[in-house]
Amino acid sequence: MSPLLVTVVLLNALAAASVLFALTEANKGVPISELGVFLTVTVGLLGLSIILIAGSMIMA
């Protein structure tokens, strides 16, 4: 398995875990300002995985 593929899969798994954590915390009544941190991390991780995939396509 390609190291790039493993990296992208792990980044997406971390993004999914961050979303699930934010949703469970929202159900507990945590203010949305604190949840914004986890959602920002999610967007960052997904953006990084897109950049990695695009970079690998350009290099190929």
PDB file of N, CA and C in Angstrom:
ATOM      1  N   MET A   1       0.844  -1.179   0.000  1.00  0.00           N
ATOM      2  CA  MET A   1       0.000   0.000   0.000  1.00  0.00           C
ATOM      3  C   MET A   1       0.892   1.246   0.000  1.00  0.00           C
ATOM      4  N   SER A   2       0.505   2.210  -0.776  1.00  0.00           N
ATOM      5  CA  SER A   2       1.275   3.448  -0.919  1.00  0.00           C
ATOM      6  C   SER A   2       1.256   4.261   0.379  1.00  0.00           C
ATOM      7  N   PRO A   3       2.397   4.822   0.749  1.00  0.00           N
ATOM      8  CA  PRO A   3       2.421   5.656   1.961  1.00  0.00           C
ATOM      9  C   PRO A   3       1.486   6.865   1.861  1.00  0.00           C
ATOM     10  N   LEU A   4       1.337   7.401   0.652  1.00  0.00           N
ATOM     11  CA  LEU A   4       0.421   8.531   0.466  1.00  0.00           C
ATOM     12  C   LEU A   4      -1.013   8.116   0.748  1.00  0.00           C
ATOM     13  N   LEU A   5      -1.390   6.950   0.271  1.00  0.00           N
ATOM     14  CA  LEU A   5      -2.748   6.456   0.504  1.00  0.00           C
ATOM     15  C   LEU A   5      -2.997   6.239   1.994  1.00  0.00           C
ATOM     16  N   VAL A   6      -2.024   5.673   2.675  1.00  0.00           N
ATOM     17  CA  VAL A   6      -2.151   5.456   4.119  1.00  0.00           C
ATOM     18  C   VAL A   6      -2.297   6.797   4.841  1.00  0.00           C
ATOM     19  N   THR A   7      -1.510   7.788   4.435  1.00  0.00           N
ATOM     20  CA  THR A   7      -1.582   9.112   5.056  1.00  0.00           C
ATOM     21  C   THR A   7      -2.948   9.745   4.854  1.00  0.00           C
ATOM     22  N   VAL A   8      -3.459   9.665   3.633  1.00  0.00           N
ATOM     23  CA  VAL A   8      -4.768  10.260   3.340  1.00  0.00           C
ATOM     24  C   VAL A   8      -5.871   9.549   4.115  1.00  0.00           C
ATOM     25  N   VAL A   9      -5.807   8.231   4.196  1.00  0.00           N
ATOM     26  CA  VAL A   9      -6.819   7.481   4.944  1.00  0.00           C
ATOM     27  C   VAL A   9      -6.775   7.857   6.426  1.00  0.00           C
ATOM     28  N   LEU A  10      -5.577   7.976   6.986  1.00  0.00           N
ATOM     29  CA  LEU A  10      -5.460   8.353   8.396  1.00  0.00           C
ATOM     30  C   LEU A  10      -5.945   9.785   8.643  1.00  0.00           C
ATOM     31  N   LEU A  11      -5.629  10.703   7.723  1.00  0.00           N
ATOM     32  CA  LEU A  11      -6.120  12.079   7.874  1.00  0.00           C
ATOM     33  C   LEU A  11      -7.639  12.130   7.833  1.00  0.00           C
ATOM     34  N   ASN A  12      -8.233  11.368   6.929  1.00  0.00           N
ATOM     35  CA  ASN A  12      -9.692  11.350   6.844  1.00  0.00           C
ATOM     36  C   ASN A  12     -10.312  10.679   8.068  1.00  0.00           C
ATOM     37  N   ALA A  13      -9.642   9.675   8.620  1.00  0.00           N
ATOM     38  CA  ALA A  13     -10.140   9.042   9.842  1.00  0.00           C
ATOM     39  C   ALA A  13     -10.089  10.030  11.013  1.00  0.00           C
ATOM     40  N   LEU A  14      -9.011  10.808  11.093  1.00  0.00           N
ATOM     41  CA  LEU A  14      -8.923  11.825  12.143  1.00  0.00           C
ATOM     42  C   LEU A  14      -9.993  12.897  11.966  1.00  0.00           C
ATOM     43  N   ALA A  15     -10.260  13.271  10.724  1.00  0.00           N
ATOM     44  CA  ALA A  15     -11.305  14.263  10.465  1.00  0.00           C
ATOM     45  C   ALA A  15     -12.669  13.726  10.885  1.00  0.00           C
ATOM     46  N   ALA A  16     -12.940  12.469  10.569  1.00  0.00           N
ATOM     47  CA  ALA A  16     -14.217  11.869  10.955  1.00  0.00           C
ATOM     48  C   ALA A  16     -14.334  11.777  12.475  1.00  0.00           C
ATOM     49  N   ALA A  17     -13.245  11.417  13.138  1.00  0.00           N
ATOM     50  CA  ALA A  17     -13.267  11.342  14.598  1.00  0.00           C
ATOM     51  C   ALA A  17     -13.508  12.722  15.211  1.00  0.00           C
ATOM     52  N   SER A  18     -12.932  13.747  14.606  1.00  0.00           N
ATOM     53  CA  SER A  18     -13.133  15.105  15.109  1.00  0.00           C
ATOM     54  C   SER A  18     -14.588  15.537  14.968  1.00  0.00           C
ATOM     55  N   VAL A  19     -15.208  15.193  13.843  1.00  0.00           N
ATOM     56  CA  VAL A  19     -16.622  15.524  13.648  1.00  0.00           C
ATOM     57  C   VAL A  19     -17.491  14.775  14.651  1.00  0.00           C
ATOM     58  N   LEU A  20     -17.228  13.492  14.842  1.00  0.00           N
ATOM     59  CA  LEU A  20     -18.018  12.708  15.799  1.00  0.00           C
ATOM     60  C   LEU A  20     -17.867  13.252  17.215  1.00  0.00           C
ATOM     61  N   PHE A  21     -16.646  13.643  17.575  1.00  0.00           N
ATOM     62  CA  PHE A  21     -16.426  14.212  18.899  1.00  0.00           C
ATOM     63  C   PHE A  21     -17.188  15.526  19.050  1.00  0.00           C
ATOM     64  N   ALA A  22     -17.147  16.364  18.008  1.00  0.00           N
ATOM     65  CA  ALA A  22     -17.872  17.639  18.065  1.00  0.00           C
ATOM     66  C   ALA A  22     -19.373  17.403  18.198  1.00  0.00           C
ATOM     67  N   LEU A  23     -19.890  16.405  17.493  1.00  0.00           N
ATOM     68  CA  LEU A  23     -21.327  16.119  17.583  1.00  0.00           C
ATOM     69  C   LEU A  23     -21.717  15.606  18.965  1.00  0.00           C
ATOM     70  N   THR A  24     -20.897  14.743  19.550  1.00  0.00           N
ATOM     71  CA  THR A  24     -21.225  14.239  20.885  1.00  0.00           C
ATOM     72  C   THR A  24     -21.131  15.352  21.923  1.00  0.00           C
ATOM     73  N   GLU A  25     -20.161  16.247  21.754  1.00  0.00           N
ATOM     74  CA  GLU A  25     -20.053  17.371  22.686  1.00  0.00           C
ATOM     75  C   GLU A  25     -21.219  18.339  22.507  1.00  0.00           C
ATOM     76  N   ALA A  26     -21.684  18.500  21.270  1.00  0.00           N
ATOM     77  CA  ALA A  26     -22.832  19.386  21.029  1.00  0.00           C
ATOM     78  C   ALA A  26     -24.074  18.835  21.708  1.00  0.00           C
ATOM     79  N   ASN A  27     -24.206  17.516  21.729  1.00  0.00           N
ATOM     80  CA  ASN A  27     -25.351  16.908  22.407  1.00  0.00           C
ATOM     81  C   ASN A  27     -25.288  17.122  23.916  1.00  0.00           C
ATOM     82  N   LYS A  28     -24.081  17.336  24.452  1.00  0.00           N
ATOM     83  CA  LYS A  28     -23.929  17.577  25.885  1.00  0.00           C
ATOM     84  C   LYS A  28     -24.167  19.040  26.240  1.00  0.00           C
ATOM     85  N   GLY A  29     -24.316  19.896  25.234  1.00  0.00           N
ATOM     86  CA  GLY A  29     -24.579  21.311  25.488  1.00  0.00           C
ATOM     87  C   GLY A  29     -23.351  22.188  25.516  1.00  0.00           C
ATOM     88  N   VAL A  30     -22.257  21.733  24.934  1.00  0.00           N
ATOM     89  CA  VAL A  30     -21.040  22.547  24.876  1.00  0.00           C
ATOM     90  C   VAL A  30     -21.271  23.706  23.902  1.00  0.00           C
ATOM     91  N   PRO A  31     -20.836  24.915  24.240  1.00  0.00           N
ATOM     92  CA  PRO A  31     -21.040  26.063  23.338  1.00  0.00           C
ATOM     93  C   PRO A  31     -20.393  25.846  21.972  1.00  0.00           C
ATOM     94  N   ILE A  32     -21.016  26.399  20.940  1.00  0.00           N
ATOM     95  CA  ILE A  32     -20.544  26.191  19.572  1.00  0.00           C
ATOM     96  C   ILE A  32     -19.169  26.810  19.346  1.00  0.00           C
ATOM     97  N   SER A  33     -18.807  27.827  20.127  1.00  0.00           N
ATOM     98  CA  SER A  33     -17.486  28.441  19.951  1.00  0.00           C
ATOM     99  C   SER A  33     -16.369  27.444  20.252  1.00  0.00           C
ATOM    100  N   GLU A  34     -16.589  26.571  21.228  1.00  0.00           N
ATOM    101  CA  GLU A  34     -15.592  25.547  21.533  1.00  0.00           C
ATOM    102  C   GLU A  34     -15.601  24.445  20.481  1.00  0.00           C
ATOM    103  N   LEU A  35     -16.764  24.157  19.934  1.00  0.00           N
ATOM    104  CA  LEU A  35     -16.853  23.118  18.912  1.00  0.00           C
ATOM    105  C   LEU A  35     -16.250  23.583  17.596  1.00  0.00           C
ATOM    106  N   GLY A  36     -16.185  24.894  17.410  1.00  0.00           N
ATOM    107  CA  GLY A  36     -15.592  25.432  16.193  1.00  0.00           C
ATOM    108  C   GLY A  36     -14.150  25.009  16.016  1.00  0.00           C
ATOM    109  N   VAL A  37     -13.451  24.792  17.117  1.00  0.00           N
ATOM    110  CA  VAL A  37     -12.061  24.333  17.041  1.00  0.00           C
ATOM    111  C   VAL A  37     -11.998  22.969  16.362  1.00  0.00           C
ATOM    112  N   PHE A  38     -12.853  22.052  16.768  1.00  0.00           N
ATOM    113  CA  PHE A  38     -12.831  20.712  16.187  1.00  0.00           C
ATOM    114  C   PHE A  38     -13.273  20.732  14.730  1.00  0.00           C
ATOM    115  N   LEU A  39     -14.248  21.572  14.414  1.00  0.00           N
ATOM    116  CA  LEU A  39     -14.705  21.653  13.032  1.00  0.00           C
ATOM    117  C   LEU A  39     -13.651  22.315  12.148  1.00  0.00           C
ATOM    118  N   THR A  40     -12.908  23.274  12.698  1.00  0.00           N
ATOM    119  CA  THR A  40     -11.812  23.885  11.947  1.00  0.00           C
ATOM    120  C   THR A  40     -10.706  22.872  11.691  1.00  0.00           C
ATOM    121  N   VAL A  41     -10.400  22.057  12.681  1.00  0.00           N
ATOM    122  CA  VAL A  41      -9.404  20.997  12.502  1.00  0.00           C
ATOM    123  C   VAL A  41      -9.861  20.032  11.420  1.00  0.00           C
ATOM    124  N   THR A  42     -11.140  19.706  11.407  1.00  0.00           N
ATOM    125  CA  THR A  42     -11.681  18.800  10.395  1.00  0.00           C
ATOM    126  C   THR A  42     -11.485  19.364   8.998  1.00  0.00           C
ATOM    127  N   VAL A  43     -11.822  20.619   8.823  1.00  0.00           N
ATOM    128  CA  VAL A  43     -11.655  21.248   7.507  1.00  0.00           C
ATOM    129  C   VAL A  43     -10.179  21.277   7.115  1.00  0.00           C
ATOM    130  N   GLY A  44      -9.318  21.548   8.075  1.00  0.00           N
ATOM    131  CA  GLY A  44      -7.881  21.555   7.797  1.00  0.00           C
ATOM    132  C   GLY A  44      -7.359  20.193   7.379  1.00  0.00           C
ATOM    133  N   LEU A  45      -7.792  19.150   8.070  1.00  0.00           N
ATOM    134  CA  LEU A  45      -7.344  17.799   7.726  1.00  0.00           C
ATOM    135  C   LEU A  45      -7.846  17.376   6.355  1.00  0.00           C
ATOM    136  N   LEU A  46      -9.107  17.691   6.056  1.00  0.00           N
ATOM    137  CA  LEU A  46      -9.641  17.356   4.735  1.00  0.00           C
ATOM    138  C   LEU A  46      -8.930  18.157   3.648  1.00  0.00           C
ATOM    139  N   GLY A  47      -8.644  19.423   3.920  1.00  0.00           N
ATOM    140  CA  GLY A  47      -7.905  20.238   2.954  1.00  0.00           C
ATOM    141  C   GLY A  47      -6.514  19.699   2.709  1.00  0.00           C
ATOM    142  N   LEU A  48      -5.848  19.265   3.775  1.00  0.00           N
ATOM    143  CA  LEU A  48      -4.510  18.688   3.634  1.00  0.00           C
ATOM    144  C   LEU A  48      -4.542  17.413   2.812  1.00  0.00           C
ATOM    145  N   SER A  49      -5.542  16.581   3.023  1.00  0.00           N
ATOM    146  CA  SER A  49      -5.628  15.343   2.242  1.00  0.00           C
ATOM    147  C   SER A  49      -5.907  15.645   0.770  1.00  0.00           C
ATOM    148  N   ILE A  50      -6.710  16.681   0.492  1.00  0.00           N
ATOM    149  CA  ILE A  50      -6.964  17.066  -0.902  1.00  0.00           C
ATOM    150  C   ILE A  50      -5.682  17.578  -1.551  1.00  0.00           C
ATOM    151  N   ILE A  51      -4.910  18.373  -0.813  1.00  0.00           N
ATOM    152  CA  ILE A  51      -3.641  18.874  -1.349  1.00  0.00           C
ATOM    153  C   ILE A  51      -2.684  17.718  -1.625  1.00  0.00           C
ATOM    154  N   LEU A  52      -2.629  16.734  -0.726  1.00  0.00           N
ATOM    155  CA  LEU A  52      -1.755  15.579  -0.945  1.00  0.00           C
ATOM    156  C   LEU A  52      -2.168  14.792  -2.178  1.00  0.00           C
ATOM    157  N   ILE A  53      -3.470  14.584  -2.346  1.00  0.00           N
ATOM    158  CA  ILE A  53      -3.955  13.834  -3.511  1.00  0.00           C
ATOM    159  C   ILE A  53      -3.666  14.612  -4.793  1.00  0.00           C
ATOM    160  N   ALA A  54      -3.939  15.916  -4.784  1.00  0.00           N
ATOM    161  CA  ALA A  54      -3.686  16.731  -5.975  1.00  0.00           C
ATOM    162  C   ALA A  54      -2.194  16.763  -6.301  1.00  0.00           C
ATOM    163  N   GLY A  55      -1.373  16.874  -5.282  1.00  0.00           N
ATOM    164  CA  GLY A  55       0.074  16.869  -5.495  1.00  0.00           C
ATOM    165  C   GLY A  55       0.572  15.564  -6.075  1.00  0.00           C
ATOM    166  N   SER A  56       0.000  14.465  -5.622  1.00  0.00           N
ATOM    167  CA  SER A  56       0.434  13.170  -6.156  1.00  0.00           C
ATOM    168  C   SER A  56      -0.010  13.003  -7.603  1.00  0.00           C
ATOM    169  N   MET A  57      -1.165  13.581  -7.961  1.00  0.00           N
ATOM    170  CA  MET A  57      -1.616  13.507  -9.355  1.00  0.00           C
ATOM    171  C   MET A  57      -0.737  14.367 -10.255  1.00  0.00           C
ATOM    172  N   ILE A  58      -0.298  15.513  -9.753  1.00  0.00           N
ATOM    173  CA  ILE A  58       0.574  16.387 -10.545  1.00  0.00           C
ATOM    174  C   ILE A  58       1.936  15.725 -10.748  1.00  0.00           C
ATOM    175  N   MET A  59       2.445  15.079  -9.691  1.00  0.00           N
ATOM    176  CA  MET A  59       3.767  14.448  -9.774  1.00  0.00           C
ATOM    177  C   MET A  59       3.763  13.200 -10.647  1.00  0.00           C
ATOM    178  N   ALA A  60       2.604  12.569 -10.810  1.00  0.00           N
ATOM    179  CA  ALA A  60       2.533  11.304 -11.562  1.00  0.00           C
ATOM    180  C   ALA A  60       2.641  11.530 -13.056  1.00  0.00           C
TER     181      ALA A  60
END
